[in-house]
C-alpha atoms as a PDB file:
ATOM      1  CA  UNK A   1       9.391  22.127  11.622  1.00  0.00           C
ATOM      2  CA  UNK A   2       7.107  22.362   8.609  1.00  0.00           C
ATOM      3  CA  UNK A   3      10.277  22.654   6.108  1.00  0.00           C
ATOM      4  CA  UNK A   4      11.950  19.604   7.966  1.00  0.00           C
ATOM      5  CA  UNK A   5       9.359  17.950   7.233  1.00  0.00           C
ATOM      6  CA  UNK A   6       8.662  19.084   3.533  1.00  0.00           C
ATOM      7  CA  UNK A   7      12.456  18.253   3.073  1.00  0.00           C
ATOM      8  CA  UNK A   8      12.160  14.674   4.600  1.00  0.00           C
ATOM      9  CA  UNK A   9       9.164  13.526   2.572  1.00  0.00           C
ATOM     10  CA  UNK A  10      11.043  15.271  -0.504  1.00  0.00           C
ATOM     11  CA  UNK A  11      14.366  12.880   0.209  1.00  0.00           C
ATOM     12  CA  UNK A  12      11.780  10.038   0.535  1.00  0.00           C
ATOM     13  CA  UNK A  13      10.534  10.545  -2.535  1.00  0.00           C
ATOM     14  CA  UNK A  14      13.320  11.330  -4.204  1.00  0.00           C
ATOM     15  CA  UNK A  15      15.002   7.294  -2.647  1.00  0.00           C
ATOM     16  CA  UNK A  16      11.385   6.075  -4.293  1.00  0.00           C
ATOM     17  CA  UNK A  17      12.376   7.781  -7.828  1.00  0.00           C
ATOM     18  CA  UNK A  18      15.855   6.364  -7.740  1.00  0.00           C
ATOM     19  CA  UNK A  19      14.776   2.901  -6.824  1.00  0.00           C
ATOM     20  CA  UNK A  20      15.981   2.689  -3.805  1.00  0.00           C
ATOM     21  CA  UNK A  21      13.010   1.015  -2.230  1.00  0.00           C
ATOM     22  CA  UNK A  22      14.085  -0.600   1.340  1.00  0.00           C
ATOM     23  CA  UNK A  23      15.423   3.535   2.125  1.00  0.00           C
ATOM     24  CA  UNK A  24      12.514   4.789   0.517  1.00  0.00           C
ATOM     25  CA  UNK A  25       9.995   2.589   2.498  1.00  0.00           C
ATOM     26  CA  UNK A  26      11.588   3.200   5.855  1.00  0.00           C
ATOM     27  CA  UNK A  27      12.027   7.446   5.021  1.00  0.00           C
ATOM     28  CA  UNK A  28       8.343   7.209   4.371  1.00  0.00           C
ATOM     29  CA  UNK A  29       7.723   5.613   7.259  1.00  0.00           C
ATOM     30  CA  UNK A  30       9.779   7.718   9.604  1.00  0.00           C
ATOM     31  CA  UNK A  31       8.179  10.947   8.007  1.00  0.00           C
ATOM     32  CA  UNK A  32       4.559   9.391   8.695  1.00  0.00           C
ATOM     33  CA  UNK A  33       5.478   9.062  12.624  1.00  0.00           C
ATOM     34  CA  UNK A  34       7.566  12.308  12.956  1.00  0.00           C
ATOM     35  CA  UNK A  35       4.721  14.131  10.980  1.00  0.00           C
ATOM     36  CA  UNK A  36       1.769  12.682  11.654  1.00  0.00           C
ATOM     37  CA  UNK A  37      -0.539  15.642  11.044  1.00  0.00           C
ATOM     38  CA  UNK A  38       1.354  16.835   8.015  1.00  0.00           C
ATOM     39  CA  UNK A  39      -0.555  17.138   4.495  1.00  0.00           C
ATOM     40  CA  UNK A  40       1.784  14.687   3.355  1.00  0.00           C
ATOM     41  CA  UNK A  41       0.986  11.843   5.595  1.00  0.00           C
ATOM     42  CA  UNK A  42      -1.247  10.061   3.830  1.00  0.00           C
ATOM     43  CA  UNK A  43       0.418   9.634   0.511  1.00  0.00           C
ATOM     44  CA  UNK A  44       3.824   8.928   2.457  1.00  0.00           C
ATOM     45  CA  UNK A  45       1.746   6.247   4.359  1.00  0.00           C
ATOM     46  CA  UNK A  46       0.757   4.264   1.158  1.00  0.00           C
ATOM     47  CA  UNK A  47       3.997   5.070  -0.695  1.00  0.00           C
ATOM     48  CA  UNK A  48       5.899   3.050   1.979  1.00  0.00           C
ATOM     49  CA  UNK A  49       3.763   0.268   1.168  1.00  0.00           C
ATOM     50  CA  UNK A  50       4.340   1.187  -2.790  1.00  0.00           C
ATOM     51  CA  UNK A  51       8.098   1.069  -1.761  1.00  0.00           C
ATOM     52  CA  UNK A  52       8.101  -2.246  -0.211  1.00  0.00           C
ATOM     53  CA  UNK A  53       6.256  -3.895  -2.790  1.00  0.00           C
ATOM     54  CA  UNK A  54       8.569  -2.416  -5.205  1.00  0.00           C
ATOM     55  CA  UNK A  55      11.438  -3.954  -3.038  1.00  0.00           C
ATOM     56  CA  UNK A  56       9.906  -7.544  -3.476  1.00  0.00           C
ATOM     57  CA  UNK A  57       8.769  -7.879   0.588  1.00  0.00           C
ATOM     58  CA  UNK A  58       4.835  -8.387  -0.471  1.00  0.00           C
ATOM     59  CA  UNK A  59       3.965  -9.333   3.312  1.00  0.00           C
ATOM     60  CA  UNK A  60       5.438  -6.182   4.554  1.00  0.00           C
ATOM     61  CA  UNK A  61       3.864  -3.898   1.735  1.00  0.00           C
ATOM     62  CA  UNK A  62       0.574  -5.419   2.802  1.00  0.00           C
ATOM     63  CA  UNK A  63       1.145  -5.024   6.638  1.00  0.00           C
ATOM     64  CA  UNK A  64       2.022  -1.374   5.567  1.00  0.00           C
ATOM     65  CA  UNK A  65      -0.906  -0.914   3.370  1.00  0.00           C
ATOM     66  CA  UNK A  66      -2.935  -2.163   6.214  1.00  0.00           C
ATOM     67  CA  UNK A  67      -1.530   0.524   8.471  1.00  0.00           C
ATOM     68  CA  UNK A  68      -2.599   2.836   5.819  1.00  0.00           C
ATOM     69  CA  UNK A  69      -6.045   2.067   5.871  1.00  0.00           C
ATOM     70  CA  UNK A  70      -6.846   1.864   8.950  1.00  0.00           C
ATOM     71  CA  UNK A  71      -4.981   4.947   9.615  1.00  0.00           C
ATOM     72  CA  UNK A  72      -6.613   7.024   6.269  1.00  0.00           C
ATOM     73  CA  UNK A  73     -10.169   5.052   5.785  1.00  0.00           C
ATOM     74  CA  UNK A  74     -11.217   7.760   3.203  1.00  0.00           C
ATOM     75  CA  UNK A  75      -7.842   7.923   1.842  1.00  0.00           C
ATOM     76  CA  UNK A  76      -7.599   8.660  -1.994  1.00  0.00           C
ATOM     77  CA  UNK A  77      -5.099   5.542  -2.141  1.00  0.00           C
ATOM     78  CA  UNK A  78      -7.565   2.909  -0.445  1.00  0.00           C
ATOM     79  CA  UNK A  79      -8.527   0.648  -3.586  1.00  0.00           C
ATOM     80  CA  UNK A  80      -4.588   0.728  -4.458  1.00  0.00           C
ATOM     81  CA  UNK A  81      -3.688  -0.168  -0.971  1.00  0.00           C
ATOM     82  CA  UNK A  82      -6.223  -2.813  -0.720  1.00  0.00           C
ATOM     83  CA  UNK A  83      -4.914  -4.548  -3.683  1.00  0.00           C
ATOM     84  CA  UNK A  84      -1.862  -4.580  -2.202  1.00  0.00           C
ATOM     85  CA  UNK A  85      -3.358  -6.161   0.495  1.00  0.00           C
ATOM     86  CA  UNK A  86      -4.863  -8.729  -1.273  1.00  0.00           C
ATOM     87  CA  UNK A  87      -2.057  -9.674  -3.519  1.00  0.00           C
ATOM     88  CA  UNK A  88      -0.082 -10.599  -0.202  1.00  0.00           C
ATOM     89  CA  UNK A  89      -3.127 -12.634   0.856  1.00  0.00           C
ATOM     90  CA  UNK A  90      -3.293 -14.485  -1.970  1.00  0.00           C
ATOM     91  CA  UNK A  91       0.413 -15.307  -2.398  1.00  0.00           C
ATOM     92  CA  UNK A  92      -0.100 -16.965   1.236  1.00  0.00           C
ATOM     93  CA  UNK A  93      -3.273 -18.910  -0.071  1.00  0.00           C
ATOM     94  CA  UNK A  94      -5.733 -16.498   2.262  1.00  0.00           C
ATOM     95  CA  UNK A  95      -8.277 -15.988  -0.899  1.00  0.00           C
ATOM     96  CA  UNK A  96     -11.289 -14.811   1.774  1.00  0.00           C
ATOM     97  CA  UNK A  97      -9.046 -12.135   3.278  1.00  0.00           C
ATOM     98  CA  UNK A  98      -8.292 -11.224  -0.366  1.00  0.00           C
ATOM     99  CA  UNK A  99     -12.019 -10.900  -1.526  1.00  0.00           C
ATOM    100  CA  UNK A 100     -13.163  -9.344   1.846  1.00  0.00           C
ATOM    101  CA  UNK A 101     -10.320  -6.675   1.508  1.00  0.00           C
ATOM    102  CA  UNK A 102     -11.423  -6.225  -2.450  1.00  0.00           C
ATOM    103  CA  UNK A 103     -14.791  -6.750  -1.770  1.00  0.00           C
ATOM    104  CA  UNK A 104     -15.665  -2.675  -2.544  1.00  0.00           C
ATOM    105  CA  UNK A 105     -14.035  -3.328  -5.987  1.00  0.00           C
ATOM    106  CA  UNK A 106     -15.571  -6.832  -7.063  1.00  0.00           C
ATOM    107  CA  UNK A 107     -19.556  -5.795  -6.869  1.00  0.00           C
ATOM    108  CA  UNK A 108     -21.700  -4.328  -8.962  1.00  0.00           C
ATOM    109  CA  UNK A 109     -18.956  -2.443 -10.997  1.00  0.00           C
ATOM    110  CA  UNK A 110     -16.321  -4.367 -11.328  1.00  0.00           C
ATOM    111  CA  UNK A 111     -12.750  -2.982 -11.022  1.00  0.00           C
ATOM    112  CA  UNK A 112     -10.458  -4.935 -13.651  1.00  0.00           C
ATOM    113  CA  UNK A 113      -7.187  -4.161 -11.437  1.00  0.00           C
ATOM    114  CA  UNK A 114      -9.071  -5.735  -8.368  1.00  0.00           C
ATOM    115  CA  UNK A 115     -10.538  -8.733 -10.064  1.00  0.00           C
ATOM    116  CA  UNK A 116      -6.948  -9.465 -11.222  1.00  0.00           C
ATOM    117  CA  UNK A 117      -5.582  -9.675  -8.018  1.00  0.00           C
ATOM    118  CA  UNK A 118      -8.037 -11.779  -7.390  1.00  0.00           C
ATOM    119  CA  UNK A 119      -7.301 -14.083 -10.527  1.00  0.00           C
ATOM    120  CA  UNK A 120      -5.330 -17.288  -9.053  1.00  0.00           C
ATOM    121  CA  UNK A 121      -8.447 -17.505  -6.446  1.00  0.00           C
ATOM    122  CA  UNK A 122     -11.290 -17.594  -9.264  1.00  0.00           C
ATOM    123  CA  UNK A 123      -9.085 -20.209 -11.137  1.00  0.00           C
ATOM    124  CA  UNK A 124     -10.157 -23.991 -10.928  1.00  0.00           C
ATOM    125  CA  UNK A 125      -7.844 -26.053  -8.806  1.00  0.00           C
ATOM    126  CA  UNK A 126      -5.543 -28.134 -10.624  1.00  0.00           C
END
């Protein structure tokens, strides 16, 4: 069964690399559901959000990123996942949520990518 899981993850990666983002997102989601304890589950969870973002589905990407952060709180991808959540929040005009999710990266040692995600929240209204 582990080889089936590795094959499913590899297939999802191939879809992502091939630009088949919707299919890749579905494949990563299915992988995480069927193989939650697999070593690749953390990456697959994050890559589902990436694939959705690449497909132009920012709200779905944010939801997947929030699920990733909830399921893998110590994830290597936490900053990138938080940025996906923040970008969708900014698009919806929810600067409070965007700032809250990026708070760990906008404090003492500011992260340029985190600040860039908040740029339209920081601009004065016209």
